[in-house]
Amino acid sequence: TSHSTSKKRLLLEMAPTLAEIKTLVASGPKSTSLPQLEAYLDAQTSGSVPYEADAVRYLVKTYQLFPGTMNESKVAYACMLALLEGYPSTDILALSYMIPIAVQKTEPCATVLECASQL
């Protein structure tokens, strides 16, 4: 539909490029990187850009290092993207080690991780 196409286009315009994300990853975790990382996650979730495991892991790692900034719905989206990457990818396992247990036990993250455990 034209609405979903325009939404994807908007997300793509707002999201940083893959090169910019790689520069952020190389520079080390900073809470100031979160808006760009979250915008890139949104673009990946909408299908505007391809899945990039390093970007997803880096976002969750940044949340881990700056727990007051954690967005639980973004964590769930990150897990869903990693889960969709499928077998034999270990992305979902890597993320599960970075997500606090309290977040893992709340919805929607709990359901996504339960699905992953069933694979």
Foldseek 3Di string as FASTA:
>chain_A
DVVLVVVLVVLVVQADDPVVLVVCLVVDADPVCQVNLLSVLVNCLSVSDPDDLSSLLSNLQNCLVVVVPDDLVSLQSSLQNQVVVDPPRCSNVSSVVSDDPVSCPDPPNVVSVVVSVVD
